[in-house]
């Protein structure tokens, strides 16, 4: 009979090596169980990390889209809020004038003129809105305040209409000033003439929020206010009939302004809907890709726990064997 035996030193080294091996295995399996991730991706992926890298790249890109989408949504919400308040105020003034209709007298006309001046200030504040330190209606010059104050606007207008005595001439002079590049665009607008560029918010998806304070539709609303406000300008020396006629004609201008502002609101609303749809698709893609990634890198919890228990049992058995081996001696045997 051939007997295989180990010397004391060899047996000691074997037991110590086996102990270290089992402890390392337990540590690794414990980490896998705690993190839920495989400790040996190279073996699991067959040494090819290309697919995993592509998944992680796509997920990172989707995360960046989420951040961008959130910023653009905030920008769009601020834009829509300003337009909504602007449109509501224009419509309210139009409705107030139409309510009196042919019964408007000079006192009413002057009162509407005074209200229009207040609404001009409110409109300018709305168009100077900013979010996150960026001006909303200034084009690419987001670090500027796009519109000058009401005083600057009315001073320029009064210079243009000074000496005119009929409502038609006064109203036409106001319109000419707003259309003239040397008028409103030069005197009042301080933003950029370049609109914001399209922003990528998803794969093949871009949105553009390019409304500026010098937009013709916004200028028309301010123009309507200005026309109304001239009914309360004592320096012009207008007759009562002219003041009343200015307000009556202004109601028609205000009606056109309401329609133009509603169109702008609809444009921004479309963008808000597009952002919501893109965000939903991005989140769905992130969820599905995350599941695929987890399936690649995750350790099965049941399998990991089973292997961990097995390794712990083996280590306990090794401790028992080591303890008993250390107590063996010829003297005790005899």
Protein backbone atom coordinates (compact mmCIF):
# COMPACT_ATOMS: atom_id res chain seq x y z
CA UNK A 1 0.00 0.00 0.00
CA UNK A 2 1.29 3.47 -0.96
CA UNK A 3 0.63 6.11 1.64
CA UNK A 4 0.64 9.83 0.78
CA UNK A 5 1.58 12.00 3.68
CA UNK A 6 2.56 15.56 4.38
CA UNK A 7 5.12 16.87 6.78
CA UNK A 8 4.04 19.28 9.52
CA UNK A 9 5.36 22.34 7.67
CA UNK A 10 3.73 21.36 4.37
CA UNK A 11 0.44 20.73 6.13
CA UNK A 12 0.69 24.08 7.90
CA UNK A 13 1.34 25.93 4.65
CA UNK A 14 -1.53 24.10 2.94
CA UNK A 15 -4.00 24.95 5.68
CA UNK A 16 -2.89 28.58 5.78
CA UNK A 17 -3.16 28.89 2.00
CA UNK A 18 -6.60 27.31 2.00
CA UNK A 19 -7.68 29.60 4.83
CA UNK A 20 -6.58 32.71 2.91
CA UNK A 21 -8.29 31.45 -0.22
CA UNK A 22 -11.62 30.88 1.56
CA UNK A 23 -11.45 34.21 3.37
CA UNK A 24 -10.82 36.02 0.07
CA UNK A 25 -13.72 34.15 -1.50
CA UNK A 26 -16.01 35.10 1.38
CA UNK A 27 -14.95 38.76 1.11
CA UNK A 28 -15.61 38.78 -2.63
CA UNK A 29 -18.99 37.07 -2.32
CA UNK A 30 -19.98 39.38 0.54
CA UNK A 31 -19.21 42.41 -1.64
CA UNK A 32 -21.19 40.90 -4.52
CA UNK A 33 -24.13 40.22 -2.22
CA UNK A 34 -24.00 43.73 -0.74
CA UNK A 35 -23.53 45.63 -4.02
CA UNK A 36 -25.44 43.26 -6.29
CA UNK A 37 -22.66 43.48 -8.86
CA UNK A 38 -20.44 40.76 -10.20
CA UNK A 39 -16.81 40.95 -9.10
CA UNK A 40 -15.50 39.32 -12.27
CA UNK A 41 -16.92 41.22 -15.23
CA UNK A 42 -14.10 40.12 -17.48
CA UNK A 43 -15.17 36.50 -17.17
CA UNK A 44 -18.87 37.33 -17.48
CA UNK A 45 -18.39 39.51 -20.58
CA UNK A 46 -15.89 37.16 -22.15
CA UNK A 47 -13.29 39.91 -22.05
CA UNK A 48 -15.31 42.13 -24.42
CA UNK A 49 -16.38 45.38 -22.77
CA UNK A 50 -17.58 47.03 -26.00
CA UNK A 51 -21.28 46.42 -25.47
CA UNK A 52 -21.14 47.50 -21.82
CA UNK A 53 -19.20 50.64 -22.73
CA UNK A 54 -21.78 51.47 -25.40
CA UNK A 55 -24.61 51.04 -22.89
CA UNK A 56 -22.91 53.29 -20.35
CA UNK A 57 -22.21 55.91 -23.03
CA UNK A 58 -25.86 55.94 -24.08
CA UNK A 59 -27.06 56.17 -20.47
CA UNK A 60 -24.68 59.08 -19.80
CA UNK A 61 -25.98 60.83 -22.92
CA UNK A 62 -29.57 60.31 -21.78
CA UNK A 63 -28.65 61.76 -18.38
CA UNK A 64 -27.27 64.86 -20.09
CA UNK A 65 -30.46 65.13 -22.15
CA UNK A 66 -32.46 65.00 -18.92
CA UNK A 67 -30.49 67.92 -17.47
CA UNK A 68 -30.81 69.92 -20.69
CA UNK A 69 -34.51 69.11 -20.98
CA UNK A 70 -35.11 70.30 -17.43
CA UNK A 71 -33.34 73.61 -18.12
CA UNK A 72 -35.23 74.18 -21.38
CA UNK A 73 -38.53 73.30 -19.70
CA UNK A 74 -37.86 75.93 -17.03
CA UNK A 75 -37.02 78.45 -19.74
CA UNK A 76 -40.20 77.58 -21.67
CA UNK A 77 -42.35 77.77 -18.53
CA UNK A 78 -41.01 81.24 -17.73
CA UNK A 79 -41.61 82.35 -21.31
CA UNK A 80 -45.15 81.01 -21.26
CA UNK A 81 -45.88 82.60 -17.90
CA UNK A 82 -44.80 86.04 -19.13
CA UNK A 83 -46.81 85.70 -22.33
CA UNK A 84 -49.87 84.52 -20.42
CA UNK A 85 -49.83 87.51 -18.06
CA UNK A 86 -49.11 89.91 -20.94
CA UNK A 87 -51.98 88.53 -23.03
CA UNK A 88 -54.38 88.57 -20.07
CA UNK A 89 -53.65 92.23 -19.35
CA UNK A 90 -54.03 93.26 -23.00
CA UNK A 91 -57.31 91.37 -23.26
CA UNK A 92 -58.59 92.91 -20.03
CA UNK A 93 -57.98 96.43 -21.31
CA UNK A 94 -59.55 95.62 -24.66
CA UNK A 95 -62.62 94.22 -22.91
CA UNK A 96 -62.92 97.26 -20.64
CA UNK A 97 -62.89 99.62 -23.62
CA UNK A 98 -65.37 97.54 -25.62
CA UNK A 99 -67.70 97.37 -22.62
CA UNK A 100 -68.19 101.14 -22.81
CA UNK A 101 -68.06 101.18 -26.60
CA UNK A 102 -69.87 104.24 -27.98
CA UNK A 103 -70.51 105.57 -24.46
CA UNK A 104 -66.83 106.47 -23.95
CA UNK A 105 -66.33 110.10 -22.97
CA UNK A 106 -63.19 112.14 -22.41
CA UNK A 107 -62.96 111.15 -18.74
CA UNK A 108 -63.07 107.49 -19.70
CA UNK A 109 -60.50 108.08 -22.44
CA UNK A 110 -58.05 109.76 -20.06
CA UNK A 111 -58.59 107.02 -17.49
CA UNK A 112 -57.81 104.32 -20.07
CA UNK A 113 -54.75 106.32 -21.10
CA UNK A 114 -53.51 106.39 -17.51
CA UNK A 115 -54.10 102.66 -17.12
CA UNK A 116 -52.25 101.98 -20.37
CA UNK A 117 -49.11 103.68 -19.00
CA UNK A 118 -49.19 101.36 -15.99
CA UNK A 119 -49.69 98.36 -18.22
CA UNK A 120 -46.72 99.40 -20.37
CA UNK A 121 -44.49 99.22 -17.28
CA UNK A 122 -45.93 95.83 -16.37
CA UNK A 123 -45.41 94.53 -19.92
CA UNK A 124 -41.80 95.72 -19.99
CA UNK A 125 -41.14 93.98 -16.67
CA UNK A 126 -42.64 90.76 -18.06
CA UNK A 127 -40.47 90.95 -21.17
CA UNK A 128 -37.40 91.59 -19.02
CA UNK A 129 -38.04 88.31 -17.19
CA UNK A 130 -35.09 86.06 -16.43
CA UNK A 131 -34.56 82.56 -15.10
CA UNK A 132 -31.36 81.20 -13.63
CA UNK A 133 -29.68 84.53 -14.30
CA UNK A 134 -30.53 84.39 -18.02
CA UNK A 135 -32.80 86.90 -19.75
CA UNK A 136 -35.66 85.08 -21.50
CA UNK A 137 -36.46 87.53 -24.31
CA UNK A 138 -32.97 88.88 -25.10
CA UNK A 139 -31.90 86.37 -27.76
CA UNK A 140 -28.33 85.17 -27.32
CA UNK A 141 -27.52 88.18 -25.10
CA UNK A 142 -28.96 86.42 -22.07
CA UNK A 143 -26.83 88.52 -19.72
CA UNK A 144 -28.62 91.75 -20.67
CA UNK A 145 -31.97 93.37 -19.87
CA UNK A 146 -33.67 93.48 -23.28
CA UNK A 147 -35.98 96.51 -22.86
CA UNK A 148 -35.43 100.02 -21.55
CA UNK A 149 -37.95 101.62 -19.20
CA UNK A 150 -41.36 103.18 -19.83
CA UNK A 151 -40.00 106.71 -19.52
CA UNK A 152 -37.61 106.14 -22.42
CA UNK A 153 -40.42 104.72 -24.56
CA UNK A 154 -42.94 107.51 -23.91
CA UNK A 155 -40.37 110.29 -24.30
CA UNK A 156 -39.46 109.04 -27.76
CA UNK A 157 -43.11 108.62 -28.76
CA UNK A 158 -44.05 112.12 -27.60
CA UNK A 159 -41.25 113.54 -29.72
CA UNK A 160 -42.64 111.68 -32.74
CA UNK A 161 -46.27 112.80 -32.34
CA UNK A 162 -45.60 116.32 -31.12
CA UNK A 163 -47.55 118.84 -33.20
CA UNK A 164 -49.96 116.28 -34.63
CA UNK A 165 -53.62 117.03 -34.01
CA UNK A 166 -55.70 114.20 -35.53
CA UNK A 167 -56.10 110.70 -34.15
CA UNK A 168 -55.23 109.08 -37.50
CA UNK A 169 -51.98 111.05 -37.84
CA UNK A 170 -50.98 110.31 -34.25
CA UNK A 171 -51.70 106.59 -34.53
CA UNK A 172 -49.86 106.33 -37.85
CA UNK A 173 -46.84 108.15 -36.39
CA UNK A 174 -46.74 105.64 -33.49
CA UNK A 175 -46.91 102.69 -35.92
CA UNK A 176 -44.17 104.19 -38.10
CA UNK A 177 -41.91 104.59 -35.07
CA UNK A 178 -42.39 100.96 -34.02
CA UNK A 179 -41.68 99.78 -37.59
CA UNK A 180 -38.64 102.01 -38.09
CA UNK A 181 -35.34 100.24 -37.28
CA UNK A 182 -34.18 103.54 -35.81
CA UNK A 183 -37.29 103.64 -33.62
CA UNK A 184 -38.23 100.90 -31.17
CA UNK A 185 -35.41 98.52 -32.13
CA UNK A 186 -32.76 101.15 -31.49
CA UNK A 187 -34.26 103.14 -28.63
CA UNK A 188 -35.88 100.37 -26.60
CA UNK A 189 -34.33 97.00 -27.45
CA UNK A 190 -30.94 96.19 -25.90
CA UNK A 191 -30.86 92.44 -26.48
CA UNK A 192 -29.24 90.48 -29.29
CA UNK A 193 -30.69 90.39 -32.79
CA UNK A 194 -29.67 86.73 -32.90
CA UNK A 195 -32.17 84.25 -31.50
CA UNK A 196 -31.17 81.33 -29.30
CA UNK A 197 -29.96 78.32 -31.25
CA UNK A 198 -31.87 75.02 -31.31
CA UNK A 199 -31.15 72.80 -28.30
CA UNK A 200 -30.80 69.03 -28.56
CA UNK A 201 -33.03 67.41 -25.93
CA UNK A 202 -33.09 63.82 -27.23
CA UNK A 203 -31.86 61.55 -30.00
CA UNK A 204 -32.66 63.52 -33.16
CA UNK A 205 -34.86 65.91 -31.18
CA UNK A 206 -34.28 69.67 -31.05
CA UNK A 207 -36.36 72.57 -29.76
CA UNK A 208 -35.98 76.29 -30.31
CA UNK A 209 -37.10 79.01 -27.91
CA UNK A 210 -36.24 82.03 -30.01
CA UNK A 211 -38.84 84.65 -29.00
CA UNK A 212 -37.20 88.02 -28.47
CA UNK A 213 -38.59 91.25 -27.01
CA UNK A 214 -38.27 92.85 -30.47
CA UNK A 215 -40.66 90.26 -31.94
CA UNK A 216 -43.26 91.99 -34.12
CA UNK A 217 -46.12 90.41 -32.16
CA UNK A 218 -44.80 91.68 -28.84
CA UNK A 219 -44.06 95.09 -30.31
CA UNK A 220 -47.63 95.30 -31.60
CA UNK A 221 -49.00 94.78 -28.08
CA UNK A 222 -46.72 97.51 -26.69
CA UNK A 223 -47.74 99.70 -29.61
CA UNK A 224 -51.42 99.22 -28.74
CA UNK A 225 -50.74 100.28 -25.16
CA UNK A 226 -48.81 103.36 -26.32
CA UNK A 227 -51.63 104.48 -28.61
CA UNK A 228 -54.08 104.19 -25.71
CA UNK A 229 -51.71 105.99 -23.34
CA UNK A 230 -51.58 109.09 -25.59
CA UNK A 231 -55.17 109.87 -24.60
CA UNK A 232 -53.73 110.94 -21.23
CA UNK A 233 -50.91 113.20 -22.40
CA UNK A 234 -51.71 116.84 -21.52
CA UNK A 235 -48.54 118.04 -23.26
CA UNK A 236 -50.04 117.14 -26.65
CA UNK A 237 -52.97 119.51 -26.19
CA UNK A 238 -55.44 117.14 -27.85
CA UNK A 239 -59.14 117.89 -28.05
CA UNK A 240 -61.64 115.76 -26.20
CA UNK A 241 -62.90 114.23 -29.44
CA UNK A 242 -59.41 113.22 -30.51
CA UNK A 243 -58.73 111.59 -27.15
CA UNK A 244 -61.95 109.58 -27.36
CA UNK A 245 -61.26 108.55 -30.97
CA UNK A 246 -57.72 107.45 -30.08
CA UNK A 247 -59.08 105.09 -27.41
CA UNK A 248 -61.78 103.72 -29.69
CA UNK A 249 -59.24 102.96 -32.43
CA UNK A 250 -56.89 101.51 -29.81
CA UNK A 251 -59.50 98.88 -28.96
CA UNK A 252 -59.13 97.46 -32.47
CA UNK A 253 -55.34 97.46 -32.10
CA UNK A 254 -55.65 95.70 -28.75
CA UNK A 255 -57.89 93.04 -30.31
CA UNK A 256 -55.21 92.32 -32.92
CA UNK A 257 -52.60 92.18 -30.16
CA UNK A 258 -54.60 89.60 -28.21
CA UNK A 259 -54.69 87.33 -31.28
CA UNK A 260 -50.95 87.75 -31.89
CA UNK A 261 -50.08 86.98 -28.28
CA UNK A 262 -52.30 83.90 -28.29
CA UNK A 263 -50.39 82.66 -31.34
CA UNK A 264 -47.10 83.08 -29.50
CA UNK A 265 -48.53 81.22 -26.53
CA UNK A 266 -49.59 78.38 -28.83
CA UNK A 267 -46.06 78.19 -30.29
CA UNK A 268 -44.50 77.95 -26.83
CA UNK A 269 -47.18 75.46 -25.75
CA UNK A 270 -46.24 73.22 -28.67
CA UNK A 271 -42.61 73.29 -27.53
CA UNK A 272 -43.65 72.46 -23.96
CA UNK A 273 -45.60 69.46 -25.26
CA UNK A 274 -42.62 68.37 -27.34
CA UNK A 275 -40.33 68.60 -24.32
CA UNK A 276 -42.74 66.49 -22.24
CA UNK A 277 -42.94 63.82 -24.94
CA UNK A 278 -39.16 63.72 -25.42
CA UNK A 279 -38.58 63.51 -21.67
CA UNK A 280 -41.00 60.57 -21.44
CA UNK A 281 -39.17 58.74 -24.24
CA UNK A 282 -35.77 59.49 -22.68
CA UNK A 283 -36.87 58.13 -19.30
CA UNK A 284 -38.29 54.99 -20.92
CA UNK A 285 -35.02 54.43 -22.77
CA UNK A 286 -33.02 54.94 -19.57
CA UNK A 287 -35.17 52.38 -17.77
CA UNK A 288 -34.86 49.71 -20.45
CA UNK A 289 -31.12 50.24 -20.95
CA UNK A 290 -30.51 50.20 -17.19
CA UNK A 291 -32.25 46.82 -16.99
CA UNK A 292 -30.02 45.47 -19.77
CA UNK A 293 -26.91 46.84 -18.03
CA UNK A 294 -27.93 45.37 -14.69
CA UNK A 295 -28.43 41.98 -16.28
CA UNK A 296 -24.87 42.19 -17.58
CA UNK A 297 -23.12 43.31 -14.42
CA UNK A 298 -25.39 42.15 -11.60
CA UNK A 299 -24.72 39.08 -9.49
CA UNK A 300 -27.65 36.72 -8.89
CA UNK A 301 -28.48 37.22 -5.19
CA UNK A 302 -29.69 33.64 -4.62
CA UNK A 303 -26.64 32.09 -6.27
CA UNK A 304 -24.30 34.48 -4.46
CA UNK A 305 -25.87 33.73 -1.07
CA UNK A 306 -25.65 29.99 -1.68
CA UNK A 307 -21.97 30.20 -2.62
CA UNK A 308 -21.32 32.46 0.37
CA UNK A 309 -22.87 29.96 2.79
CA UNK A 310 -20.88 27.17 1.17
CA UNK A 311 -17.61 29.08 1.55
CA UNK A 312 -18.39 29.95 5.18
CA UNK A 313 -19.15 26.29 5.92
CA UNK A 314 -15.86 25.25 4.31
CA UNK A 315 -13.97 27.83 6.35
CA UNK A 316 -15.59 26.68 9.57
CA UNK A 317 -14.68 23.10 8.68
CA UNK A 318 -11.12 24.17 7.98
CA UNK A 319 -10.92 25.86 11.38
CA UNK A 320 -12.14 22.63 13.01
CA UNK A 321 -9.57 20.52 11.16
CA UNK A 322 -6.79 22.96 11.97
CA UNK A 323 -7.74 22.99 15.64
CA UNK A 324 -7.84 19.22 15.90
CA UNK A 325 -4.60 18.78 13.96
CA UNK A 326 -2.82 21.13 16.33
CA UNK A 327 -3.89 18.97 19.30
CA UNK A 328 -2.61 15.66 17.89
CA UNK A 329 0.55 14.19 19.49
CA UNK A 330 2.02 10.73 20.02
CA UNK A 331 2.04 11.28 23.80
CA UNK A 332 -1.72 11.92 23.87
CA UNK A 333 -2.29 8.92 21.63
CA UNK A 334 -0.30 6.60 23.89
